[in-house]
Amino acid sequence: MRPTRRTIRSAAAAIAAAMAILYLLIGLGVLDVGGTSADRQFLIVFGLLAGGAFLLGALLLVHFDRRWLWIAGVLFQVFVY
C-alpha cells in the first residue's frame, strides 16, 4: 500500500516533535551532552532555539500541506545536522 501525503506529513511531524523534545531537554539541562562550563551556556541557548524551531516545524507540518514548507524543513534539518 502506498503511503498518503497525510501519512508522510504525520510521520515527519512526529520525527520533528521527537527532535524538539530532545533539543529542549538539552536546553533545559536535563540531558547532558558533555562539554566545559563555557559550552553549557551555548548548549542551553542552542538547545532551546533548535527545540523551538523543530516544534514550530512539527506544528506547521500538521496544519499545512505545502511543498515549500517541506523543502524549508529539509533545508533547516540539514543546517542543524
PDB file of N, CA and C in Angstrom:
ATOM      1  N   MET A   1       0.840  -1.170   0.000  1.00  0.00           N
ATOM      2  CA  MET A   1       0.000   0.000   0.000  1.00  0.00           C
ATOM      3  C   MET A   1       0.891   1.241   0.000  1.00  0.00           C
ATOM      4  N   ARG A   2       0.557   2.198  -0.815  1.00  0.00           N
ATOM      5  CA  ARG A   2       1.334   3.428  -0.961  1.00  0.00           C
ATOM      6  C   ARG A   2       0.916   4.439   0.115  1.00  0.00           C
ATOM      7  N   PRO A   3       1.903   5.024   0.825  1.00  0.00           N
ATOM      8  CA  PRO A   3       1.548   5.996   1.874  1.00  0.00           C
ATOM      9  C   PRO A   3       0.973   7.268   1.265  1.00  0.00           C
ATOM     10  N   THR A   4       0.036   7.862   1.959  1.00  0.00           N
ATOM     11  CA  THR A   4      -0.581   9.100   1.501  1.00  0.00           C
ATOM     12  C   THR A   4       0.249  10.296   1.969  1.00  0.00           C
ATOM     13  N   ARG A   5      -0.043  11.444   1.377  1.00  0.00           N
ATOM     14  CA  ARG A   5       0.655  12.669   1.796  1.00  0.00           C
ATOM     15  C   ARG A   5       0.427  12.930   3.271  1.00  0.00           C
ATOM     16  N   ARG A   6      -0.770  12.681   3.746  1.00  0.00           N
ATOM     17  CA  ARG A   6      -1.092  12.915   5.155  1.00  0.00           C
ATOM     18  C   ARG A   6      -0.262  12.011   6.055  1.00  0.00           C
ATOM     19  N   THR A   7      -0.081  10.746   5.662  1.00  0.00           N
ATOM     20  CA  THR A   7       0.721   9.811   6.437  1.00  0.00           C
ATOM     21  C   THR A   7       2.174  10.273   6.503  1.00  0.00           C
ATOM     22  N   ILE A   8       2.690  10.717   5.364  1.00  0.00           N
ATOM     23  CA  ILE A   8       4.076  11.190   5.319  1.00  0.00           C
ATOM     24  C   ILE A   8       4.229  12.439   6.171  1.00  0.00           C
ATOM     25  N   ARG A   9       3.280  13.375   6.070  1.00  0.00           N
ATOM     26  CA  ARG A   9       3.334  14.584   6.887  1.00  0.00           C
ATOM     27  C   ARG A   9       3.254  14.249   8.366  1.00  0.00           C
ATOM     28  N   SER A  10       2.393  13.325   8.728  1.00  0.00           N
ATOM     29  CA  SER A  10       2.259  12.941  10.140  1.00  0.00           C
ATOM     30  C   SER A  10       3.541  12.318  10.663  1.00  0.00           C
ATOM     31  N   ALA A  11       4.160  11.457   9.866  1.00  0.00           N
ATOM     32  CA  ALA A  11       5.423  10.837  10.275  1.00  0.00           C
ATOM     33  C   ALA A  11       6.522  11.891  10.417  1.00  0.00           C
ATOM     34  N   ALA A  12       6.597  12.806   9.466  1.00  0.00           N
ATOM     35  CA  ALA A  12       7.611  13.868   9.544  1.00  0.00           C
ATOM     36  C   ALA A  12       7.366  14.757  10.758  1.00  0.00           C
ATOM     37  N   ALA A  13       6.106  15.053  11.053  1.00  0.00           N
ATOM     38  CA  ALA A  13       5.778  15.870  12.221  1.00  0.00           C
ATOM     39  C   ALA A  13       6.152  15.147  13.509  1.00  0.00           C
ATOM     40  N   ALA A  14       5.926  13.846  13.559  1.00  0.00           N
ATOM     41  CA  ALA A  14       6.278  13.070  14.750  1.00  0.00           C
ATOM     42  C   ALA A  14       7.796  13.061  14.965  1.00  0.00           C
ATOM     43  N   ILE A  15       8.546  12.920  13.886  1.00  0.00           N
ATOM     44  CA  ILE A  15      10.006  12.937  13.987  1.00  0.00           C
ATOM     45  C   ILE A  15      10.484  14.317  14.424  1.00  0.00           C
ATOM     46  N   ALA A  16       9.913  15.367  13.849  1.00  0.00           N
ATOM     47  CA  ALA A  16      10.294  16.735  14.238  1.00  0.00           C
ATOM     48  C   ALA A  16       9.948  16.991  15.703  1.00  0.00           C
ATOM     49  N   ALA A  17       8.811  16.475  16.167  1.00  0.00           N
ATOM     50  CA  ALA A  17       8.430  16.642  17.571  1.00  0.00           C
ATOM     51  C   ALA A  17       9.401  15.903  18.492  1.00  0.00           C
ATOM     52  N   ALA A  18       9.827  14.715  18.086  1.00  0.00           N
ATOM     53  CA  ALA A  18      10.802  13.963  18.884  1.00  0.00           C
ATOM     54  C   ALA A  18      12.128  14.718  18.961  1.00  0.00           C
ATOM     55  N   MET A  19      12.555  15.293  17.837  1.00  0.00           N
ATOM     56  CA  MET A  19      13.783  16.091  17.839  1.00  0.00           C
ATOM     57  C   MET A  19      13.618  17.318  18.725  1.00  0.00           C
ATOM     58  N   ALA A  20      12.443  17.938  18.682  1.00  0.00           N
ATOM     59  CA  ALA A  20      12.178  19.110  19.525  1.00  0.00           C
ATOM     60  C   ALA A  20      12.311  18.744  20.995  1.00  0.00           C
ATOM     61  N   ILE A  21      11.768  17.611  21.375  1.00  0.00           N
ATOM     62  CA  ILE A  21      11.845  17.178  22.773  1.00  0.00           C
ATOM     63  C   ILE A  21      13.299  16.977  23.189  1.00  0.00           C
ATOM     64  N   LEU A  22      14.073  16.305  22.334  1.00  0.00           N
ATOM     65  CA  LEU A  22      15.489  16.070  22.661  1.00  0.00           C
ATOM     66  C   LEU A  22      16.252  17.379  22.820  1.00  0.00           C
ATOM     67  N   TYR A  23      16.082  18.297  21.873  1.00  0.00           N
ATOM     68  CA  TYR A  23      16.801  19.564  21.958  1.00  0.00           C
ATOM     69  C   TYR A  23      16.335  20.403  23.142  1.00  0.00           C
ATOM     70  N   LEU A  24      15.041  20.390  23.434  1.00  0.00           N
ATOM     71  CA  LEU A  24      14.550  21.142  24.591  1.00  0.00           C
ATOM     72  C   LEU A  24      15.100  20.554  25.895  1.00  0.00           C
ATOM     73  N   LEU A  25      15.201  19.238  25.965  1.00  0.00           N
ATOM     74  CA  LEU A  25      15.786  18.614  27.153  1.00  0.00           C
ATOM     75  C   LEU A  25      17.261  18.987  27.306  1.00  0.00           C
ATOM     76  N   ILE A  26      17.967  19.105  26.178  1.00  0.00           N
ATOM     77  CA  ILE A  26      19.360  19.562  26.234  1.00  0.00           C
ATOM     78  C   ILE A  26      19.397  21.011  26.711  1.00  0.00           C
ATOM     79  N   GLY A  27      18.532  21.843  26.146  1.00  0.00           N
ATOM     80  CA  GLY A  27      18.495  23.245  26.522  1.00  0.00           C
ATOM     81  C   GLY A  27      18.129  23.471  27.976  1.00  0.00           C
ATOM     82  N   LEU A  28      17.269  22.620  28.511  1.00  0.00           N
ATOM     83  CA  LEU A  28      16.863  22.736  29.910  1.00  0.00           C
ATOM     84  C   LEU A  28      17.870  22.098  30.869  1.00  0.00           C
ATOM     85  N   GLY A  29      18.886  21.446  30.318  1.00  0.00           N
ATOM     86  CA  GLY A  29      19.920  20.842  31.149  1.00  0.00           C
ATOM     87  C   GLY A  29      19.556  19.467  31.681  1.00  0.00           C
ATOM     88  N   VAL A  30      18.464  18.893  31.199  1.00  0.00           N
ATOM     89  CA  VAL A  30      18.058  17.558  31.646  1.00  0.00           C
ATOM     90  C   VAL A  30      18.957  16.497  31.021  1.00  0.00           C
ATOM     91  N   LEU A  31      19.261  16.655  29.741  1.00  0.00           N
ATOM     92  CA  LEU A  31      20.194  15.749  29.059  1.00  0.00           C
ATOM     93  C   LEU A  31      21.557  16.411  29.008  1.00  0.00           C
ATOM     94  N   ASP A  32      22.565  15.703  29.449  1.00  0.00           N
ATOM     95  CA  ASP A  32      23.925  16.229  29.451  1.00  0.00           C
ATOM     96  C   ASP A  32      24.662  15.678  28.240  1.00  0.00           C
ATOM     97  N   VAL A  33      25.159  16.574  27.412  1.00  0.00           N
ATOM     98  CA  VAL A  33      25.903  16.146  26.238  1.00  0.00           C
ATOM     99  C   VAL A  33      27.400  16.426  26.384  1.00  0.00           C
ATOM    100  N   GLY A  34      27.819  16.729  27.609  1.00  0.00           N
ATOM    101  CA  GLY A  34      29.236  16.947  27.883  1.00  0.00           C
ATOM    102  C   GLY A  34      29.660  18.371  27.589  1.00  0.00           C
ATOM    103  N   GLY A  35      30.922  18.584  27.627  1.00  0.00           N
ATOM    104  CA  GLY A  35      31.470  19.912  27.356  1.00  0.00           C
ATOM    105  C   GLY A  35      31.888  20.619  28.631  1.00  0.00           C
ATOM    106  N   THR A  36      32.559  21.753  28.445  1.00  0.00           N
ATOM    107  CA  THR A  36      33.029  22.550  29.569  1.00  0.00           C
ATOM    108  C   THR A  36      31.911  23.456  30.070  1.00  0.00           C
ATOM    109  N   SER A  37      32.173  24.147  31.164  1.00  0.00           N
ATOM    110  CA  SER A  37      31.156  25.055  31.694  1.00  0.00           C
ATOM    111  C   SER A  37      30.891  26.204  30.727  1.00  0.00           C
ATOM    112  N   ALA A  38      31.892  26.597  29.950  1.00  0.00           N
ATOM    113  CA  ALA A  38      31.692  27.648  28.946  1.00  0.00           C
ATOM    114  C   ALA A  38      30.767  27.166  27.834  1.00  0.00           C
ATOM    115  N   ASP A  39      30.833  25.878  27.529  1.00  0.00           N
ATOM    116  CA  ASP A  39      29.962  25.307  26.496  1.00  0.00           C
ATOM    117  C   ASP A  39      28.518  25.214  26.973  1.00  0.00           C
ATOM    118  N   ARG A  40      28.306  25.132  28.261  1.00  0.00           N
ATOM    119  CA  ARG A  40      26.952  24.938  28.791  1.00  0.00           C
ATOM    120  C   ARG A  40      26.007  26.071  28.408  1.00  0.00           C
ATOM    121  N   GLN A  41      26.487  27.312  28.484  1.00  0.00           N
ATOM    122  CA  GLN A  41      25.636  28.449  28.113  1.00  0.00           C
ATOM    123  C   GLN A  41      25.225  28.339  26.647  1.00  0.00           C
ATOM    124  N   PHE A  42      26.181  27.989  25.790  1.00  0.00           N
ATOM    125  CA  PHE A  42      25.879  27.800  24.373  1.00  0.00           C
ATOM    126  C   PHE A  42      24.862  26.685  24.183  1.00  0.00           C
ATOM    127  N   LEU A  43      25.055  25.559  24.890  1.00  0.00           N
ATOM    128  CA  LEU A  43      24.142  24.424  24.748  1.00  0.00           C
ATOM    129  C   LEU A  43      22.735  24.774  25.207  1.00  0.00           C
ATOM    130  N   ILE A  44      22.610  25.581  26.243  1.00  0.00           N
ATOM    131  CA  ILE A  44      21.293  25.998  26.711  1.00  0.00           C
ATOM    132  C   ILE A  44      20.585  26.806  25.619  1.00  0.00           C
ATOM    133  N   VAL A  45      21.280  27.806  25.109  1.00  0.00           N
ATOM    134  CA  VAL A  45      20.678  28.662  24.074  1.00  0.00           C
ATOM    135  C   VAL A  45      20.392  27.854  22.815  1.00  0.00           C
ATOM    136  N   PHE A  46      21.381  27.085  22.357  1.00  0.00           N
ATOM    137  CA  PHE A  46      21.200  26.292  21.143  1.00  0.00           C
ATOM    138  C   PHE A  46      20.071  25.283  21.313  1.00  0.00           C
ATOM    139  N   GLY A  47      20.042  24.590  22.437  1.00  0.00           N
ATOM    140  CA  GLY A  47      19.008  23.582  22.668  1.00  0.00           C
ATOM    141  C   GLY A  47      17.617  24.178  22.662  1.00  0.00           C
ATOM    142  N   LEU A  48      17.450  25.317  23.309  1.00  0.00           N
ATOM    143  CA  LEU A  48      16.131  25.947  23.351  1.00  0.00           C
ATOM    144  C   LEU A  48      15.719  26.480  21.980  1.00  0.00           C
ATOM    145  N   LEU A  49      16.653  27.095  21.260  1.00  0.00           N
ATOM    146  CA  LEU A  49      16.323  27.608  19.930  1.00  0.00           C
ATOM    147  C   LEU A  49      16.034  26.482  18.939  1.00  0.00           C
ATOM    148  N   ALA A  50      16.886  25.475  18.917  1.00  0.00           N
ATOM    149  CA  ALA A  50      16.672  24.356  17.996  1.00  0.00           C
ATOM    150  C   ALA A  50      15.402  23.597  18.357  1.00  0.00           C
ATOM    151  N   GLY A  51      15.169  23.390  19.653  1.00  0.00           N
ATOM    152  CA  GLY A  51      13.945  22.715  20.078  1.00  0.00           C
ATOM    153  C   GLY A  51      12.702  23.485  19.676  1.00  0.00           C
ATOM    154  N   GLY A  52      12.748  24.796  19.862  1.00  0.00           N
ATOM    155  CA  GLY A  52      11.613  25.624  19.447  1.00  0.00           C
ATOM    156  C   GLY A  52      11.393  25.587  17.950  1.00  0.00           C
ATOM    157  N   ALA A  53      12.480  25.598  17.180  1.00  0.00           N
ATOM    158  CA  ALA A  53      12.361  25.550  15.726  1.00  0.00           C
ATOM    159  C   ALA A  53      11.783  24.213  15.257  1.00  0.00           C
ATOM    160  N   PHE A  54      12.240  23.117  15.854  1.00  0.00           N
ATOM    161  CA  PHE A  54      11.690  21.807  15.484  1.00  0.00           C
ATOM    162  C   PHE A  54      10.218  21.697  15.892  1.00  0.00           C
ATOM    163  N   LEU A  55       9.875  22.253  17.034  1.00  0.00           N
ATOM    164  CA  LEU A  55       8.478  22.241  17.464  1.00  0.00           C
ATOM    165  C   LEU A  55       7.617  23.043  16.494  1.00  0.00           C
ATOM    166  N   LEU A  56       8.089  24.208  16.085  1.00  0.00           N
ATOM    167  CA  LEU A  56       7.366  25.009  15.106  1.00  0.00           C
ATOM    168  C   LEU A  56       7.211  24.237  13.799  1.00  0.00           C
ATOM    169  N   GLY A  57       8.276  23.579  13.360  1.00  0.00           N
ATOM    170  CA  GLY A  57       8.214  22.769  12.141  1.00  0.00           C
ATOM    171  C   GLY A  57       7.187  21.657  12.245  1.00  0.00           C
ATOM    172  N   ALA A  58       7.136  21.001  13.387  1.00  0.00           N
ATOM    173  CA  ALA A  58       6.150  19.927  13.583  1.00  0.00           C
ATOM    174  C   ALA A  58       4.733  20.479  13.504  1.00  0.00           C
ATOM    175  N   LEU A  59       4.505  21.600  14.149  1.00  0.00           N
ATOM    176  CA  LEU A  59       3.162  22.205  14.122  1.00  0.00           C
ATOM    177  C   LEU A  59       2.770  22.648  12.718  1.00  0.00           C
ATOM    178  N   LEU A  60       3.714  23.222  11.992  1.00  0.00           N
ATOM    179  CA  LEU A  60       3.422  23.642  10.622  1.00  0.00           C
ATOM    180  C   LEU A  60       3.118  22.446   9.722  1.00  0.00           C
ATOM    181  N   LEU A  61       3.847  21.351   9.906  1.00  0.00           N
ATOM    182  CA  LEU A  61       3.587  20.152   9.103  1.00  0.00           C
ATOM    183  C   LEU A  61       2.203  19.571   9.382  1.00  0.00           C
ATOM    184  N   VAL A  62       1.779  19.653  10.617  1.00  0.00           N
ATOM    185  CA  VAL A  62       0.462  19.117  10.972  1.00  0.00           C
ATOM    186  C   VAL A  62      -0.655  19.967  10.355  1.00  0.00           C
ATOM    187  N   HIS A  63      -0.460  21.269  10.336  1.00  0.00           N
ATOM    188  CA  HIS A  63      -1.547  22.165   9.939  1.00  0.00           C
ATOM    189  C   HIS A  63      -1.557  22.571   8.474  1.00  0.00           C
ATOM    190  N   PHE A  64      -0.424  22.469   7.772  1.00  0.00           N
ATOM    191  CA  PHE A  64      -0.364  22.934   6.390  1.00  0.00           C
ATOM    192  C   PHE A  64       0.223  21.869   5.479  1.00  0.00           C
ATOM    193  N   ASP A  65      -0.363  21.725   4.298  1.00  0.00           N
ATOM    194  CA  ASP A  65       0.129  20.789   3.289  1.00  0.00           C
ATOM    195  C   ASP A  65       0.711  21.606   2.137  1.00  0.00           C
ATOM    196  N   ARG A  66       1.916  22.106   2.350  1.00  0.00           N
ATOM    197  CA  ARG A  66       2.578  22.937   1.354  1.00  0.00           C
ATOM    198  C   ARG A  66       3.959  22.375   1.046  1.00  0.00           C
ATOM    199  N   ARG A  67       4.239  22.188  -0.235  1.00  0.00           N
ATOM    200  CA  ARG A  67       5.519  21.614  -0.655  1.00  0.00           C
ATOM    201  C   ARG A  67       6.693  22.511  -0.255  1.00  0.00           C
ATOM    202  N   TRP A  68       6.549  23.830  -0.358  1.00  0.00           N
ATOM    203  CA  TRP A  68       7.637  24.751   0.010  1.00  0.00           C
ATOM    204  C   TRP A  68       7.992  24.598   1.482  1.00  0.00           C
ATOM    205  N   LEU A  69       6.990  24.256   2.302  1.00  0.00           N
ATOM    206  CA  LEU A  69       7.232  24.051   3.725  1.00  0.00           C
ATOM    207  C   LEU A  69       8.090  22.808   3.947  1.00  0.00           C
ATOM    208  N   TRP A  70       7.842  21.772   3.157  1.00  0.00           N
ATOM    209  CA  TRP A  70       8.656  20.562   3.245  1.00  0.00           C
ATOM    210  C   TRP A  70      10.103  20.873   2.880  1.00  0.00           C
ATOM    211  N   ILE A  71      10.286  21.636   1.819  1.00  0.00           N
ATOM    212  CA  ILE A  71      11.640  21.977   1.366  1.00  0.00           C
ATOM    213  C   ILE A  71      12.359  22.815   2.426  1.00  0.00           C
ATOM    214  N   ALA A  72      11.662  23.790   2.990  1.00  0.00           N
ATOM    215  CA  ALA A  72      12.254  24.624   4.038  1.00  0.00           C
ATOM    216  C   ALA A  72      12.630  23.772   5.250  1.00  0.00           C
ATOM    217  N   GLY A  73      11.788  22.815   5.597  1.00  0.00           N
ATOM    218  CA  GLY A  73      12.070  21.919   6.719  1.00  0.00           C
ATOM    219  C   GLY A  73      13.297  21.063   6.482  1.00  0.00           C
ATOM    220  N   VAL A  74      13.418  20.550   5.281  1.00  0.00           N
ATOM    221  CA  VAL A  74      14.590  19.726   4.945  1.00  0.00           C
ATOM    222  C   VAL A  74      15.860  20.571   5.007  1.00  0.00           C
ATOM    223  N   LEU A  75      15.804  21.787   4.451  1.00  0.00           N
ATOM    224  CA  LEU A  75      16.989  22.659   4.489  1.00  0.00           C
ATOM    225  C   LEU A  75      17.364  22.999   5.921  1.00  0.00           C
ATOM    226  N   PHE A  76      16.376  23.257   6.764  1.00  0.00           N
ATOM    227  CA  PHE A  76      16.655  23.548   8.166  1.00  0.00           C
ATOM    228  C   PHE A  76      17.316  22.357   8.850  1.00  0.00           C
ATOM    229  N   GLN A  77      16.792  21.162   8.609  1.00  0.00           N
ATOM    230  CA  GLN A  77      17.351  19.980   9.252  1.00  0.00           C
ATOM    231  C   GLN A  77      18.779  19.721   8.789  1.00  0.00           C
ATOM    232  N   VAL A  78      19.056  19.942   7.511  1.00  0.00           N
ATOM    233  CA  VAL A  78      20.423  19.785   7.015  1.00  0.00           C
ATOM    234  C   VAL A  78      21.336  20.785   7.701  1.00  0.00           C
ATOM    235  N   PHE A  79      20.867  22.022   7.900  1.00  0.00           N
ATOM    236  CA  PHE A  79      21.650  23.035   8.580  1.00  0.00           C
ATOM    237  C   PHE A  79      21.952  22.627  10.018  1.00  0.00           C
ATOM    238  N   VAL A  80      20.943  22.121  10.723  1.00  0.00           N
ATOM    239  CA  VAL A  80      21.128  21.719  12.116  1.00  0.00           C
ATOM    240  C   VAL A  80      22.070  20.523  12.218  1.00  0.00           C
ATOM    241  N   TYR A  81      21.905  19.550  11.334  1.00  0.00           N
ATOM    242  CA  TYR A  81      22.769  18.373  11.390  1.00  0.00           C
ATOM    243  C   TYR A  81      24.182  18.768  11.077  1.00  0.00           C
TER     244      TYR A  81
END
